[in-house]
Amino acid sequence: MPIACPRCGSRNLRYARLHNFGERCWSWLGIRPLRCRDCRLRFVDRTWRLTHWRFARCPRCWRTDLALWSEHGAHLSLFAEVCLKMGAKPFRCEYCRINFVSFRQRHEKFSFQRWAKLRKATGDAEAPPNEGGTQ
């Protein structure tokens, strides 16, 4: 389950700046200050879930329901090419439309039907991902 803002419920979050040494120490354990990009609230939450440590997650929004993308025809960095040759899998987060590679397995497969149900249940007004094609 992704982290949500306690005030507005948005999942559009980013890491906030670390203010003191105590926050830096807690960040080594996965407890980080976060800032909501919608309502600007700063709060502290655990970003590493012990139940999801073995699954790949989006580096931007931390979701674990991911799609696959084809590396053919894509412009890859040298690091991504080396990782793919070593056995990493190419994943895509359809919510924030980012491609990345990971050696971890996918927790759940992304589906547009599940996304539409989730959007209706939460009343989320974010635009749907592009259904035409995932490149």
N, C-alpha and C. Protein backbone atom coordinates (compact mmCIF):
# COMPACT_ATOMS: atom_id res chain seq x y z
N MET A 1 0.84 -1.18 0.00
CA MET A 1 0.00 0.00 0.00
C MET A 1 0.89 1.24 0.00
N PRO A 2 0.69 2.12 -0.93
CA PRO A 2 1.52 3.32 -0.99
C PRO A 2 1.20 4.29 0.15
N ILE A 3 2.13 5.14 0.40
CA ILE A 3 1.99 6.15 1.44
C ILE A 3 1.10 7.27 0.91
N ALA A 4 0.23 7.79 1.77
CA ALA A 4 -0.67 8.89 1.38
C ALA A 4 -0.55 10.03 2.39
N CYS A 5 -0.85 11.21 1.94
CA CYS A 5 -0.82 12.40 2.80
C CYS A 5 -1.90 12.29 3.86
N PRO A 6 -1.58 12.54 5.13
CA PRO A 6 -2.61 12.45 6.17
C PRO A 6 -3.66 13.56 6.10
N ARG A 7 -3.35 14.68 5.47
CA ARG A 7 -4.31 15.79 5.39
C ARG A 7 -5.26 15.63 4.21
N CYS A 8 -4.71 15.46 2.99
CA CYS A 8 -5.57 15.45 1.80
C CYS A 8 -5.69 14.07 1.16
N GLY A 9 -4.89 13.09 1.57
CA GLY A 9 -4.99 11.74 1.02
C GLY A 9 -4.29 11.57 -0.31
N SER A 10 -3.59 12.57 -0.78
CA SER A 10 -2.90 12.49 -2.06
C SER A 10 -1.68 11.57 -1.96
N ARG A 11 -1.34 10.95 -3.06
CA ARG A 11 -0.13 10.12 -3.11
C ARG A 11 0.97 10.81 -3.90
N ASN A 12 0.80 12.07 -4.19
CA ASN A 12 1.78 12.86 -4.93
C ASN A 12 2.76 13.44 -3.91
N LEU A 13 3.74 12.63 -3.51
CA LEU A 13 4.66 12.98 -2.43
C LEU A 13 6.08 13.06 -2.94
N ARG A 14 6.93 13.71 -2.16
CA ARG A 14 8.35 13.74 -2.43
C ARG A 14 9.08 13.71 -1.09
N TYR A 15 10.38 13.37 -1.14
CA TYR A 15 11.18 13.44 0.08
C TYR A 15 11.37 14.90 0.46
N ALA A 16 11.20 15.23 1.73
CA ALA A 16 11.47 16.58 2.22
C ALA A 16 12.93 16.66 2.66
N ARG A 17 13.42 17.86 2.80
CA ARG A 17 14.79 18.05 3.26
C ARG A 17 14.93 17.61 4.70
N LEU A 18 16.11 17.07 5.02
CA LEU A 18 16.40 16.66 6.38
C LEU A 18 16.85 17.89 7.16
N HIS A 19 16.21 18.17 8.31
CA HIS A 19 16.49 19.39 9.06
C HIS A 19 17.58 19.24 10.10
N ASN A 20 17.73 18.05 10.69
CA ASN A 20 18.71 17.90 11.75
C ASN A 20 19.34 16.51 11.72
N PHE A 21 20.26 16.28 12.63
CA PHE A 21 20.98 15.01 12.67
C PHE A 21 20.05 13.85 13.03
N GLY A 22 19.06 14.11 13.87
CA GLY A 22 18.11 13.06 14.25
C GLY A 22 17.33 12.54 13.04
N GLU A 23 16.88 13.45 12.18
CA GLU A 23 16.17 13.02 10.98
C GLU A 23 17.08 12.24 10.05
N ARG A 24 18.34 12.62 9.99
CA ARG A 24 19.30 11.89 9.16
C ARG A 24 19.49 10.47 9.68
N CYS A 25 19.58 10.32 10.99
CA CYS A 25 19.72 8.98 11.58
C CYS A 25 18.49 8.12 11.31
N TRP A 26 17.29 8.69 11.47
CA TRP A 26 16.07 7.94 11.20
C TRP A 26 15.96 7.57 9.72
N SER A 27 16.50 8.42 8.84
CA SER A 27 16.41 8.13 7.40
C SER A 27 17.22 6.89 7.04
N TRP A 28 18.26 6.58 7.79
CA TRP A 28 19.04 5.36 7.54
C TRP A 28 18.21 4.11 7.82
N LEU A 29 17.17 4.26 8.64
CA LEU A 29 16.28 3.14 8.96
C LEU A 29 15.01 3.15 8.12
N GLY A 30 14.90 4.11 7.20
CA GLY A 30 13.75 4.15 6.31
C GLY A 30 12.62 5.02 6.78
N ILE A 31 12.81 5.79 7.84
CA ILE A 31 11.78 6.70 8.33
C ILE A 31 12.18 8.09 7.86
N ARG A 32 11.44 8.63 6.88
CA ARG A 32 11.85 9.86 6.20
C ARG A 32 10.77 10.93 6.32
N PRO A 33 11.20 12.19 6.35
CA PRO A 33 10.21 13.27 6.22
C PRO A 33 9.76 13.38 4.76
N LEU A 34 8.48 13.51 4.57
CA LEU A 34 7.89 13.60 3.23
C LEU A 34 7.10 14.89 3.12
N ARG A 35 6.95 15.39 1.91
CA ARG A 35 6.14 16.59 1.68
C ARG A 35 5.13 16.28 0.58
N CYS A 36 3.88 16.64 0.84
CA CYS A 36 2.82 16.48 -0.14
C CYS A 36 2.95 17.59 -1.17
N ARG A 37 2.93 17.24 -2.44
CA ARG A 37 3.05 18.24 -3.49
C ARG A 37 1.75 18.99 -3.73
N ASP A 38 0.64 18.47 -3.21
CA ASP A 38 -0.65 19.13 -3.41
C ASP A 38 -0.96 20.15 -2.31
N CYS A 39 -0.88 19.72 -1.04
CA CYS A 39 -1.23 20.63 0.05
C CYS A 39 -0.01 21.15 0.81
N ARG A 40 1.18 20.76 0.42
CA ARG A 40 2.46 21.22 0.98
C ARG A 40 2.68 20.81 2.43
N LEU A 41 1.94 19.83 2.95
CA LEU A 41 2.11 19.36 4.32
C LEU A 41 3.40 18.54 4.42
N ARG A 42 4.18 18.78 5.47
CA ARG A 42 5.39 18.01 5.74
C ARG A 42 5.06 17.05 6.88
N PHE A 43 5.35 15.76 6.69
CA PHE A 43 5.09 14.76 7.72
C PHE A 43 6.16 13.68 7.63
N VAL A 44 6.25 12.86 8.64
CA VAL A 44 7.26 11.80 8.72
C VAL A 44 6.54 10.46 8.65
N ASP A 45 7.06 9.57 7.81
CA ASP A 45 6.45 8.24 7.68
C ASP A 45 7.52 7.25 7.28
N ARG A 46 7.23 5.99 7.50
CA ARG A 46 8.15 4.91 7.13
C ARG A 46 8.00 4.63 5.64
N THR A 47 9.10 4.73 4.89
CA THR A 47 9.05 4.51 3.45
C THR A 47 9.46 3.09 3.09
N TRP A 48 10.08 2.38 4.00
CA TRP A 48 10.46 1.00 3.76
C TRP A 48 9.50 0.11 4.53
N ARG A 49 8.75 -0.67 3.85
CA ARG A 49 7.84 -1.63 4.48
C ARG A 49 8.52 -3.00 4.48
N LEU A 50 8.57 -3.65 5.62
CA LEU A 50 9.23 -4.95 5.71
C LEU A 50 8.54 -6.00 4.86
N THR A 51 7.24 -5.84 4.64
CA THR A 51 6.51 -6.81 3.83
C THR A 51 6.82 -6.67 2.34
N HIS A 52 7.37 -5.52 1.92
CA HIS A 52 7.64 -5.28 0.50
C HIS A 52 9.13 -5.20 0.19
N TRP A 53 9.99 -5.64 1.07
CA TRP A 53 11.43 -5.47 0.84
C TRP A 53 11.93 -6.25 -0.36
N ARG A 54 11.26 -7.34 -0.71
CA ARG A 54 11.76 -8.14 -1.82
C ARG A 54 11.11 -7.82 -3.16
N PHE A 55 10.24 -6.83 -3.19
CA PHE A 55 9.54 -6.48 -4.42
C PHE A 55 10.06 -5.16 -4.99
N ALA A 56 9.99 -5.05 -6.32
CA ALA A 56 10.37 -3.80 -6.99
C ALA A 56 9.31 -2.75 -6.71
N ARG A 57 9.74 -1.50 -6.63
CA ARG A 57 8.80 -0.41 -6.44
C ARG A 57 9.25 0.79 -7.25
N CYS A 58 8.30 1.61 -7.61
CA CYS A 58 8.59 2.80 -8.40
C CYS A 58 9.48 3.75 -7.60
N PRO A 59 10.56 4.26 -8.19
CA PRO A 59 11.43 5.15 -7.43
C PRO A 59 10.81 6.52 -7.16
N ARG A 60 9.72 6.87 -7.83
CA ARG A 60 9.11 8.17 -7.62
C ARG A 60 7.92 8.11 -6.67
N CYS A 61 6.99 7.18 -6.87
CA CYS A 61 5.77 7.15 -6.06
C CYS A 61 5.68 5.92 -5.15
N TRP A 62 6.63 5.02 -5.21
CA TRP A 62 6.75 3.84 -4.35
C TRP A 62 5.64 2.81 -4.56
N ARG A 63 4.93 2.84 -5.66
CA ARG A 63 3.90 1.83 -5.91
C ARG A 63 4.55 0.52 -6.32
N THR A 64 3.85 -0.57 -6.05
CA THR A 64 4.39 -1.89 -6.37
C THR A 64 3.59 -2.59 -7.47
N ASP A 65 2.53 -1.97 -7.99
CA ASP A 65 1.82 -2.57 -9.13
C ASP A 65 2.42 -1.96 -10.41
N LEU A 66 3.19 -2.77 -11.10
CA LEU A 66 4.02 -2.30 -12.20
C LEU A 66 3.71 -3.05 -13.48
N ALA A 67 3.97 -2.39 -14.59
CA ALA A 67 3.86 -3.01 -15.91
C ALA A 67 5.27 -3.24 -16.44
N LEU A 68 5.37 -4.00 -17.51
CA LEU A 68 6.66 -4.22 -18.17
C LEU A 68 6.76 -3.32 -19.40
N TRP A 69 7.97 -3.01 -19.81
CA TRP A 69 8.18 -2.24 -21.04
C TRP A 69 9.28 -2.92 -21.83
N SER A 70 9.27 -2.68 -23.14
CA SER A 70 10.24 -3.29 -24.04
C SER A 70 11.46 -2.38 -24.15
N GLU A 71 12.63 -2.97 -23.96
CA GLU A 71 13.86 -2.18 -24.04
C GLU A 71 14.33 -1.97 -25.47
N HIS A 72 13.68 -2.61 -26.44
CA HIS A 72 14.05 -2.44 -27.85
C HIS A 72 13.55 -1.09 -28.36
N GLY A 73 14.45 -0.30 -28.90
CA GLY A 73 14.10 1.00 -29.43
C GLY A 73 14.12 2.11 -28.40
N ALA A 74 14.35 1.78 -27.14
CA ALA A 74 14.40 2.80 -26.09
C ALA A 74 15.84 3.27 -25.91
N HIS A 75 16.00 4.51 -25.49
CA HIS A 75 17.32 5.06 -25.20
C HIS A 75 17.66 4.74 -23.75
N LEU A 76 18.57 3.81 -23.55
CA LEU A 76 18.91 3.36 -22.20
C LEU A 76 20.25 3.92 -21.77
N SER A 77 20.38 4.15 -20.47
CA SER A 77 21.68 4.55 -19.94
C SER A 77 22.59 3.32 -19.91
N LEU A 78 23.86 3.56 -19.76
CA LEU A 78 24.82 2.47 -19.70
C LEU A 78 24.54 1.57 -18.50
N PHE A 79 24.19 2.18 -17.38
CA PHE A 79 23.87 1.41 -16.17
C PHE A 79 22.66 0.51 -16.41
N ALA A 80 21.62 1.04 -17.05
CA ALA A 80 20.42 0.24 -17.31
C ALA A 80 20.72 -0.91 -18.28
N GLU A 81 21.53 -0.65 -19.30
CA GLU A 81 21.91 -1.71 -20.24
C GLU A 81 22.68 -2.83 -19.54
N VAL A 82 23.61 -2.46 -18.67
CA VAL A 82 24.40 -3.47 -17.94
C VAL A 82 23.49 -4.27 -17.02
N CYS A 83 22.59 -3.60 -16.33
CA CYS A 83 21.67 -4.31 -15.44
C CYS A 83 20.76 -5.27 -16.20
N LEU A 84 20.27 -4.85 -17.37
CA LEU A 84 19.42 -5.73 -18.17
C LEU A 84 20.18 -6.95 -18.66
N LYS A 85 21.45 -6.77 -19.03
CA LYS A 85 22.26 -7.91 -19.47
C LYS A 85 22.55 -8.86 -18.32
N MET A 86 22.58 -8.33 -17.09
CA MET A 86 22.85 -9.17 -15.91
C MET A 86 21.59 -9.85 -15.39
N GLY A 87 20.43 -9.55 -15.95
CA GLY A 87 19.21 -10.25 -15.55
C GLY A 87 18.14 -9.39 -14.92
N ALA A 88 18.32 -8.09 -14.86
CA ALA A 88 17.28 -7.22 -14.31
C ALA A 88 16.09 -7.16 -15.26
N LYS A 89 14.94 -6.80 -14.72
CA LYS A 89 13.73 -6.71 -15.52
C LYS A 89 13.35 -5.24 -15.73
N PRO A 90 12.84 -4.91 -16.91
CA PRO A 90 12.39 -3.53 -17.17
C PRO A 90 10.96 -3.33 -16.67
N PHE A 91 10.77 -2.42 -15.73
CA PHE A 91 9.45 -2.12 -15.17
C PHE A 91 9.03 -0.71 -15.52
N ARG A 92 7.71 -0.49 -15.54
CA ARG A 92 7.14 0.83 -15.81
C ARG A 92 6.02 1.08 -14.81
N CYS A 93 6.06 2.26 -14.20
CA CYS A 93 4.96 2.70 -13.34
C CYS A 93 4.02 3.52 -14.22
N GLU A 94 2.80 3.03 -14.40
CA GLU A 94 1.84 3.72 -15.26
C GLU A 94 1.25 4.95 -14.59
N TYR A 95 1.36 5.06 -13.28
CA TYR A 95 0.81 6.22 -12.58
C TYR A 95 1.66 7.45 -12.82
N CYS A 96 2.99 7.31 -12.68
CA CYS A 96 3.85 8.48 -12.91
C CYS A 96 4.66 8.35 -14.20
N ARG A 97 4.41 7.30 -14.98
CA ARG A 97 4.95 7.12 -16.33
C ARG A 97 6.48 7.16 -16.34
N ILE A 98 7.09 6.36 -15.49
CA ILE A 98 8.54 6.30 -15.42
C ILE A 98 8.98 4.86 -15.69
N ASN A 99 10.04 4.72 -16.50
CA ASN A 99 10.63 3.41 -16.79
C ASN A 99 11.87 3.25 -15.93
N PHE A 100 12.06 2.05 -15.39
CA PHE A 100 13.24 1.77 -14.60
C PHE A 100 13.53 0.27 -14.65
N VAL A 101 14.70 -0.13 -14.18
CA VAL A 101 15.07 -1.54 -14.15
C VAL A 101 15.29 -1.95 -12.70
N SER A 102 15.02 -3.23 -12.40
CA SER A 102 15.19 -3.73 -11.06
C SER A 102 15.45 -5.23 -11.11
N PHE A 103 16.24 -5.71 -10.15
CA PHE A 103 16.49 -7.14 -10.03
C PHE A 103 15.41 -7.81 -9.19
N ARG A 104 14.60 -7.04 -8.52
CA ARG A 104 13.55 -7.60 -7.68
C ARG A 104 12.34 -7.99 -8.52
N GLN A 105 11.51 -8.86 -7.96
CA GLN A 105 10.32 -9.29 -8.69
C GLN A 105 9.18 -8.30 -8.51
N ARG A 106 8.22 -8.38 -9.39
CA ARG A 106 7.06 -7.49 -9.37
C ARG A 106 6.06 -8.03 -8.35
N HIS A 107 5.53 -7.14 -7.51
CA HIS A 107 4.56 -7.56 -6.49
C HIS A 107 3.21 -7.87 -7.10
N GLU A 108 2.71 -6.99 -7.95
CA GLU A 108 1.46 -7.24 -8.65
C GLU A 108 1.49 -6.56 -10.01
N LYS A 109 0.79 -7.18 -10.93
CA LYS A 109 0.76 -6.68 -12.29
C LYS A 109 -0.23 -5.53 -12.39
N PHE A 110 0.17 -4.46 -13.08
CA PHE A 110 -0.71 -3.32 -13.28
C PHE A 110 -1.80 -3.68 -14.27
N SER A 111 -3.03 -3.25 -14.00
CA SER A 111 -4.12 -3.40 -14.96
C SER A 111 -4.97 -2.13 -14.95
N PHE A 112 -5.45 -1.74 -16.11
CA PHE A 112 -6.26 -0.54 -16.22
C PHE A 112 -7.60 -0.71 -15.53
N GLN A 113 -8.15 -1.93 -15.50
CA GLN A 113 -9.43 -2.16 -14.83
C GLN A 113 -9.28 -1.92 -13.32
N ARG A 114 -8.20 -2.43 -12.74
CA ARG A 114 -7.96 -2.23 -11.32
C ARG A 114 -7.73 -0.76 -11.03
N TRP A 115 -7.01 -0.08 -11.92
CA TRP A 115 -6.74 1.34 -11.75
C TRP A 115 -8.04 2.14 -11.78
N ALA A 116 -8.96 1.80 -12.68
CA ALA A 116 -10.24 2.51 -12.78
C ALA A 116 -11.08 2.28 -11.52
N LYS A 117 -11.07 1.05 -10.98
CA LYS A 117 -11.81 0.76 -9.76
C LYS A 117 -11.23 1.54 -8.58
N LEU A 118 -9.92 1.58 -8.49
CA LEU A 118 -9.26 2.31 -7.42
C LEU A 118 -9.56 3.80 -7.52
N ARG A 119 -9.57 4.32 -8.73
CA ARG A 119 -9.85 5.74 -8.95
C ARG A 119 -11.28 6.09 -8.54
N LYS A 120 -12.24 5.21 -8.87
CA LYS A 120 -13.63 5.45 -8.49
C LYS A 120 -13.81 5.37 -6.98
N ALA A 121 -13.15 4.41 -6.35
CA ALA A 121 -13.31 4.21 -4.91
C ALA A 121 -12.75 5.38 -4.11
N THR A 122 -11.62 5.94 -4.53
CA THR A 122 -11.00 7.03 -3.78
C THR A 122 -11.44 8.40 -4.26
N GLY A 123 -12.10 8.48 -5.41
CA GLY A 123 -12.51 9.77 -5.94
C GLY A 123 -11.31 10.57 -6.44
N ASP A 124 -10.27 9.89 -6.84
CA ASP A 124 -9.03 10.52 -7.30
C ASP A 124 -9.28 11.20 -8.64
N ALA A 125 -8.81 12.43 -8.78
CA ALA A 125 -9.07 13.20 -10.00
C ALA A 125 -7.87 13.24 -10.93
N GLU A 126 -6.86 12.40 -10.68
CA GLU A 126 -5.69 12.44 -11.56
C GLU A 126 -6.03 11.85 -12.92
N ALA A 127 -5.35 12.30 -13.93
CA ALA A 127 -5.62 11.86 -15.30
C ALA A 127 -5.21 10.41 -15.47
N PRO A 128 -5.95 9.64 -16.27
CA PRO A 128 -5.62 8.24 -16.47
C PRO A 128 -4.33 8.09 -17.28
N PRO A 129 -3.61 7.00 -17.05
CA PRO A 129 -2.45 6.75 -17.89
C PRO A 129 -2.86 6.50 -19.33
N ASN A 130 -1.92 6.66 -20.22
CA ASN A 130 -2.19 6.47 -21.64
C ASN A 130 -2.49 5.02 -21.92
N GLU A 131 -3.70 4.72 -22.39
CA GLU A 131 -4.08 3.35 -22.66
C GLU A 131 -3.65 2.89 -24.05
N GLY A 132 -3.23 3.82 -24.89
CA GLY A 132 -2.89 3.47 -26.27
C GLY A 132 -1.72 2.54 -26.38
N GLY A 133 -0.66 2.80 -25.69
CA GLY A 133 0.51 1.94 -25.77
C GLY A 133 1.53 2.34 -24.73
N THR A 134 2.24 1.37 -24.26
CA THR A 134 3.27 1.64 -23.26
C THR A 134 4.60 1.44 -23.92
N GLN A 135 5.29 2.49 -24.17
CA GLN A 135 6.58 2.43 -24.86
C GLN A 135 7.66 2.85 -23.92
